[in-house]
Amino acid sequence: MGTSNENLDKELGLDYPVNWEYKLITDTSDDLKNSIKELLGNRNYKLVFSKKSKNGKYDSYILSLTVHSDEDRKGIYESLKKDKNIKIII
């Protein structure tokens, strides 16, 4: 699985809580929706289709939600990274 964590390890100087977006690339859209629902539970979030890859094999989605701290933001990222349905996180 590929990931982009350039914003993960450094302090960003954000004023929490803040709305944060993760771009997710998957080849299994239905499974992704179920995974996100299971991962985030009762948290409010939006998962919006972004686009299909040129060859049609992958779909990208934007996951938007409020994060409350660096630890929260990084924890969500780490959980997403472990999900077998997510190929890349940007």
Protein backbone atom coordinates (compact mmCIF):
# COMPACT_ATOMS: atom_id res chain seq x y z
CA MET A 1 0.00 0.00 0.00
CA GLY A 2 1.30 3.44 -0.85
CA THR A 3 0.84 6.36 1.47
CA SER A 4 1.78 9.98 1.62
CA ASN A 5 2.69 11.01 5.14
CA GLU A 6 4.60 14.25 4.60
CA ASN A 7 2.08 16.03 6.83
CA LEU A 8 1.92 13.23 9.38
CA ASP A 9 5.24 13.45 11.15
CA LYS A 10 5.68 17.20 11.38
CA GLU A 11 3.83 19.64 13.56
CA LEU A 12 1.56 21.67 11.33
CA GLY A 13 0.70 24.42 13.80
CA LEU A 14 -3.02 23.82 13.37
CA ASP A 15 -5.61 25.30 15.70
CA TYR A 16 -7.76 22.34 16.71
CA PRO A 17 -10.48 21.35 16.18
CA VAL A 18 -10.07 21.68 12.42
CA ASN A 19 -11.72 20.18 9.35
CA TRP A 20 -9.27 17.75 7.72
CA GLU A 21 -9.40 15.95 4.40
CA TYR A 22 -7.84 12.65 3.40
CA LYS A 23 -7.84 11.65 -0.26
CA LEU A 24 -8.33 7.91 -0.54
CA ILE A 25 -7.63 5.76 -3.60
CA THR A 26 -9.37 2.39 -3.76
CA ASP A 27 -10.33 -0.36 -6.15
CA THR A 28 -13.32 -1.47 -4.06
CA SER A 29 -15.72 1.45 -3.55
CA ASP A 30 -18.47 -0.47 -1.74
CA ASP A 31 -16.04 -2.07 0.67
CA LEU A 32 -14.41 1.32 1.29
CA LYS A 33 -17.71 2.87 2.37
CA ASN A 34 -18.30 0.04 4.84
CA SER A 35 -14.74 0.27 6.15
CA ILE A 36 -14.98 4.01 6.75
CA LYS A 37 -18.30 3.61 8.54
CA GLU A 38 -16.81 0.92 10.77
CA LEU A 39 -13.61 2.87 11.39
CA LEU A 40 -15.24 6.18 12.28
CA GLY A 41 -18.33 4.85 14.05
CA ASN A 42 -20.59 7.69 15.20
CA ARG A 43 -18.26 10.50 14.13
CA ASN A 44 -19.62 12.98 11.61
CA TYR A 45 -17.82 12.72 8.28
CA LYS A 46 -18.37 13.10 4.57
CA LEU A 47 -17.08 10.63 2.01
CA VAL A 48 -17.41 12.09 -1.47
CA PHE A 49 -16.48 10.47 -4.77
CA SER A 50 -13.76 12.48 -6.50
CA LYS A 51 -12.92 10.71 -9.75
CA LYS A 52 -12.15 7.45 -11.54
CA SER A 53 -8.67 6.66 -12.78
CA LYS A 54 -7.89 6.94 -16.47
CA ASN A 55 -8.08 3.17 -16.97
CA GLY A 56 -11.12 2.81 -14.69
CA LYS A 57 -9.43 0.50 -12.21
CA TYR A 58 -9.33 2.89 -9.24
CA ASP A 59 -11.70 5.38 -7.65
CA SER A 60 -10.67 8.31 -5.49
CA TYR A 61 -12.69 9.74 -2.63
CA ILE A 62 -12.33 12.70 -0.30
CA LEU A 63 -12.92 11.91 3.37
CA SER A 64 -13.68 15.09 5.36
CA LEU A 65 -14.11 15.25 9.11
CA THR A 66 -13.25 17.31 12.15
CA VAL A 67 -10.07 16.28 13.94
CA HIS A 68 -9.50 17.41 17.50
CA SER A 69 -5.73 17.07 17.93
CA ASP A 70 -2.53 15.93 16.22
CA GLU A 71 -3.00 12.55 17.86
CA ASP A 72 -6.54 12.28 16.50
CA ARG A 73 -5.44 13.25 12.97
CA LYS A 74 -2.52 10.82 13.02
CA GLY A 75 -4.59 8.03 14.58
CA ILE A 76 -7.18 8.24 11.82
CA TYR A 77 -4.40 8.22 9.22
CA GLU A 78 -2.82 5.12 10.78
CA SER A 79 -6.18 3.34 10.89
CA LEU A 80 -6.85 4.20 7.24
CA LYS A 81 -3.37 2.98 6.32
CA LYS A 82 -4.14 -0.45 7.79
CA ASP A 83 -7.36 -0.87 5.80
CA LYS A 84 -6.96 -3.39 2.97
CA ASN A 85 -9.46 -1.49 0.78
CA ILE A 86 -7.35 1.67 0.69
CA LYS A 87 -4.47 1.58 -1.75
CA ILE A 88 -3.16 5.15 -1.32
CA ILE A 89 -3.79 7.98 1.16
CA ILE A 90 -2.90 11.52 0.17
